[in-house]
Amino acid sequence: MKKISILIAAIITMAVCNIFLATPSKAAIADGNYKVNYTVLDSEASSASMANDYFDKPAALTVTDGKATLDLQVNHSTWITGLTVAGSQGQVLSSSKSADTRKVRFNIGEAKQSLPATIKVDIDNESLNYHHNYKINLSLDLSTTDEATAATSKTTKTDDSSDAAVSKTDTNTSATGQTSAAKVANPKSGDTNSLALYGGLALVAAVGLIISRKKRTVK
């Protein structure tokens, strides 16, 4: 009986420790439109890729009902003949032949700090003949999204000459000139479920300990 009491006490201790020491996961980004800085990294290293200079910063991150899209603008558009982000082929929003730019929107699902991507570069001119496919990672700086300013993206349609104006992002500011802070959504329900599980475990163990003591008292 003594061994059973010790076991129940140990279970209670573990459950209580898990409740108070459990680290909640980072809260999801609230619905809204944000400007996010990012770096293009080599797929197998933490250093910036040569392709980093082909991407204009910042990117436009839009979260709707927990689902995110990422708008990227590439320069040297004629060189970058293929681009995927998080498995998404992307949708061209605007392009400019004169500026050699192209803005593409990718469905990335959940907004994450690191996104796998692929890029296809084709350079075929008198001075260089280069054709290559390689993997990259997009490292998003999500640490400042809670201070980002909501933005409305206005995309100009491509004209007859296929020279579209680069889409502009209007930044909304408050009357005092300060940017409005984006709210962070509540943590996912999984965190609450974990606490409930540990709480239930502690309750069951406590009941078992009480019953065990009563039986010992009767004897």
Protein backbone atom coordinates (compact mmCIF):
# COMPACT_ATOMS: atom_id res chain seq x y z
CA MET A 1 0.00 0.00 0.00
CA LYS A 2 2.88 2.32 0.81
CA LYS A 3 4.33 1.79 -2.67
CA ILE A 4 1.00 2.69 -4.26
CA SER A 5 0.83 5.91 -2.25
CA ILE A 6 4.33 6.86 -3.33
CA LEU A 7 3.47 6.17 -6.99
CA ILE A 8 0.32 8.30 -6.82
CA ALA A 9 2.23 11.14 -5.15
CA ALA A 10 4.85 11.00 -7.91
CA ILE A 11 2.14 11.22 -10.58
CA ILE A 12 0.62 14.27 -8.89
CA THR A 13 4.04 15.95 -8.69
CA MET A 14 4.78 15.32 -12.35
CA ALA A 15 1.37 16.59 -13.45
CA VAL A 16 1.66 19.78 -11.40
CA CYS A 17 5.18 20.44 -12.72
CA ASN A 18 4.00 20.00 -16.32
CA ILE A 19 1.17 22.46 -15.75
CA PHE A 20 3.39 25.22 -14.39
CA LEU A 21 6.51 24.58 -16.45
CA ALA A 22 4.92 23.85 -19.80
CA THR A 23 6.02 26.46 -22.35
CA PRO A 24 3.11 27.66 -24.49
CA SER A 25 3.72 27.76 -28.24
CA LYS A 26 4.11 31.10 -29.98
CA ALA A 27 0.80 32.76 -30.66
CA ALA A 28 -0.38 32.75 -34.23
CA ILE A 29 -0.23 35.96 -36.24
CA ALA A 30 -3.56 37.74 -36.30
CA ASP A 31 -5.45 38.27 -39.54
CA GLY A 32 -4.18 41.32 -41.39
CA ASN A 33 -1.69 42.66 -43.92
CA TYR A 34 1.95 43.11 -42.94
CA LYS A 35 5.31 44.14 -44.34
CA VAL A 36 7.94 41.51 -43.52
CA ASN A 37 11.68 41.66 -44.06
CA TYR A 38 13.31 38.44 -45.21
CA THR A 39 16.57 36.92 -46.42
CA VAL A 40 17.11 34.30 -49.11
CA LEU A 41 19.40 31.61 -47.69
CA ASP A 42 21.23 28.66 -49.20
CA SER A 43 19.21 25.49 -48.65
CA GLU A 44 21.99 23.77 -46.71
CA ALA A 45 23.52 26.77 -44.92
CA SER A 46 22.55 29.77 -42.86
CA SER A 47 24.40 32.17 -45.12
CA ALA A 48 22.68 34.41 -47.64
CA SER A 49 22.32 32.97 -51.12
CA MET A 50 23.54 34.74 -54.23
CA ALA A 51 19.86 34.85 -55.20
CA ASN A 52 19.15 37.15 -52.25
CA ASP A 53 19.93 40.18 -54.42
CA TYR A 54 17.29 39.09 -56.94
CA PHE A 55 14.49 39.73 -54.41
CA ASP A 56 13.20 43.15 -53.38
CA LYS A 57 12.39 43.74 -49.70
CA PRO A 58 10.16 43.80 -47.76
CA ALA A 59 7.60 41.16 -48.68
CA ALA A 60 3.85 41.56 -48.14
CA LEU A 61 2.34 39.00 -45.77
CA THR A 62 -1.44 38.62 -45.67
CA VAL A 63 -3.20 36.41 -43.11
CA THR A 64 -6.88 35.55 -43.56
CA ASP A 65 -8.63 33.04 -41.29
CA GLY A 66 -5.23 31.75 -40.23
CA LYS A 67 -4.11 31.09 -43.83
CA ALA A 68 -1.24 33.18 -45.19
CA THR A 69 -0.12 34.43 -48.57
CA LEU A 70 3.25 35.98 -49.32
CA ASP A 71 3.83 38.56 -52.06
CA LEU A 72 7.40 38.66 -53.38
CA GLN A 73 8.86 40.99 -55.98
CA VAL A 74 11.84 39.80 -57.99
CA ASN A 75 14.17 41.95 -60.01
CA HIS A 76 16.03 40.50 -63.02
CA SER A 77 12.67 38.98 -63.83
CA THR A 78 13.85 37.73 -67.23
CA TRP A 79 16.56 35.69 -65.51
CA ILE A 80 14.25 34.08 -62.95
CA THR A 81 12.14 31.79 -65.09
CA GLY A 82 10.85 29.60 -62.27
CA LEU A 83 10.03 30.15 -58.60
CA THR A 84 8.12 28.18 -55.97
CA VAL A 85 7.62 28.89 -52.27
CA ALA A 86 6.34 26.27 -49.81
CA GLY A 87 5.28 24.15 -52.79
CA SER A 88 3.20 26.96 -54.30
CA GLN A 89 3.78 27.90 -57.94
CA GLY A 90 2.52 31.40 -57.26
CA GLN A 91 0.27 33.83 -59.11
CA VAL A 92 1.74 36.79 -60.98
CA LEU A 93 0.18 40.02 -59.70
CA SER A 94 2.10 42.51 -61.79
CA SER A 95 5.14 42.83 -64.03
CA SER A 96 7.25 45.51 -65.63
CA LYS A 97 9.40 44.95 -68.68
CA SER A 98 11.14 48.29 -68.36
CA ALA A 99 12.07 47.72 -64.69
CA ASP A 100 12.53 43.96 -65.25
CA THR A 101 10.47 43.15 -62.16
CA ARG A 102 7.67 40.74 -61.35
CA LYS A 103 5.46 40.51 -58.27
CA VAL A 104 4.14 37.04 -57.40
CA ARG A 105 1.75 35.86 -54.68
CA PHE A 106 2.28 32.49 -53.00
CA ASN A 107 -0.12 30.52 -50.82
CA ILE A 108 2.10 29.42 -47.94
CA GLY A 109 -0.51 28.08 -45.52
CA GLU A 110 0.76 28.97 -42.05
CA ALA A 111 3.11 31.92 -41.66
CA LYS A 112 6.45 30.41 -40.67
CA GLN A 113 9.89 31.84 -40.10
CA SER A 114 11.52 29.46 -42.59
CA LEU A 115 9.97 28.59 -45.94
CA PRO A 116 11.49 26.15 -48.45
CA ALA A 117 11.66 27.47 -52.00
CA THR A 118 13.09 26.65 -55.40
CA ILE A 119 14.40 28.96 -58.09
CA LYS A 120 15.23 28.47 -61.76
CA VAL A 121 17.69 30.88 -63.33
CA ASP A 122 18.22 31.10 -67.08
CA ILE A 123 20.74 33.61 -68.42
CA ASP A 124 21.46 33.39 -72.09
CA ASN A 125 23.30 36.32 -73.61
CA GLU A 126 26.59 37.10 -75.30
CA SER A 127 28.57 37.34 -72.07
CA LEU A 128 26.98 34.55 -70.04
CA ASN A 129 25.25 31.25 -70.66
CA TYR A 130 23.88 30.02 -67.33
CA HIS A 131 21.01 27.62 -66.64
CA HIS A 132 20.46 26.20 -63.17
CA ASN A 133 17.79 24.96 -60.75
CA TYR A 134 18.49 25.06 -57.04
CA LYS A 135 16.85 25.03 -53.62
CA ILE A 136 16.75 28.00 -51.29
CA ASN A 137 15.13 28.95 -47.98
CA LEU A 138 13.27 32.15 -47.22
CA SER A 139 14.00 33.34 -43.69
CA LEU A 140 11.19 35.66 -42.62
CA ASP A 141 11.64 38.11 -39.77
CA LEU A 142 8.35 37.55 -37.95
CA SER A 143 9.59 39.17 -34.76
CA THR A 144 8.28 42.55 -35.90
CA THR A 145 4.93 41.50 -37.33
CA ASP A 146 3.13 42.57 -34.16
CA GLU A 147 4.38 46.10 -34.85
CA ALA A 148 3.73 46.05 -38.56
CA THR A 149 1.28 48.44 -40.10
CA ALA A 150 -1.76 47.09 -41.89
CA ALA A 151 -1.49 47.75 -45.61
CA THR A 152 -3.75 47.61 -48.62
CA SER A 153 -2.13 46.20 -51.74
CA LYS A 154 -3.20 47.84 -54.98
CA THR A 155 -2.11 46.02 -58.11
CA THR A 156 -2.18 47.68 -61.53
CA LYS A 157 -3.25 45.47 -64.41
CA THR A 158 -0.82 44.74 -67.22
CA ASP A 159 -1.33 47.12 -70.17
CA ASP A 160 -1.20 46.31 -73.88
CA SER A 161 2.59 46.55 -73.95
CA SER A 162 2.83 44.07 -71.05
CA ASP A 163 4.56 46.78 -69.01
CA ALA A 164 2.62 46.86 -65.75
CA ALA A 165 3.22 49.32 -62.98
CA VAL A 166 4.71 47.79 -59.87
CA SER A 167 2.00 47.34 -57.29
CA LYS A 168 2.05 49.85 -54.50
CA THR A 169 1.39 49.33 -50.81
CA ASP A 170 -0.29 52.12 -48.93
CA THR A 171 0.62 52.33 -45.28
CA ASN A 172 -2.09 53.41 -42.90
CA THR A 173 -0.92 55.58 -40.02
CA SER A 174 -2.76 56.99 -37.06
CA ALA A 175 -3.56 60.67 -36.62
CA THR A 176 -0.39 61.13 -34.57
CA GLY A 177 1.74 59.58 -37.27
CA GLN A 178 2.40 56.42 -35.32
CA THR A 179 1.86 53.08 -36.98
CA SER A 180 -0.96 50.94 -35.65
CA ALA A 181 0.13 47.74 -33.94
CA ALA A 182 -1.21 44.45 -35.21
CA LYS A 183 -2.89 42.23 -32.67
CA VAL A 184 -1.70 38.69 -32.03
CA ALA A 185 -4.30 35.94 -32.06
CA ASN A 186 -4.86 33.64 -29.10
CA PRO A 187 -2.67 30.53 -28.89
CA LYS A 188 -3.96 27.39 -30.58
CA SER A 189 -6.39 25.19 -28.71
CA GLY A 190 -3.70 22.48 -28.40
CA ASP A 191 -2.07 24.45 -25.57
CA THR A 192 -5.34 24.52 -23.60
CA ASN A 193 -5.93 20.83 -24.25
CA SER A 194 -2.48 19.96 -22.85
CA LEU A 195 -3.14 21.88 -19.65
CA ALA A 196 -6.53 20.21 -19.30
CA LEU A 197 -4.91 16.79 -19.72
CA TYR A 198 -2.34 17.44 -17.01
CA GLY A 199 -5.00 18.90 -14.73
CA GLY A 200 -7.19 15.84 -15.21
CA LEU A 201 -4.25 13.55 -14.51
CA ALA A 202 -3.51 15.39 -11.27
CA LEU A 203 -7.17 15.18 -10.22
CA VAL A 204 -7.36 11.43 -10.85
CA ALA A 205 -4.14 10.85 -8.93
CA ALA A 206 -5.40 12.98 -6.01
CA VAL A 207 -8.65 10.99 -5.83
CA GLY A 208 -6.69 7.75 -5.90
CA LEU A 209 -4.48 8.95 -3.07
CA ILE A 210 -7.52 9.89 -0.94
CA ILE A 211 -9.16 6.52 -1.55
CA SER A 212 -5.92 4.74 -0.69
CA ARG A 213 -5.61 6.61 2.61
CA LYS A 214 -9.23 5.86 3.52
CA LYS A 215 -8.72 2.13 2.89
CA ARG A 216 -5.58 2.19 5.03
CA THR A 217 -7.48 4.00 7.82
CA VAL A 218 -10.31 1.42 7.76
CA LYS A 219 -7.85 -1.43 8.06
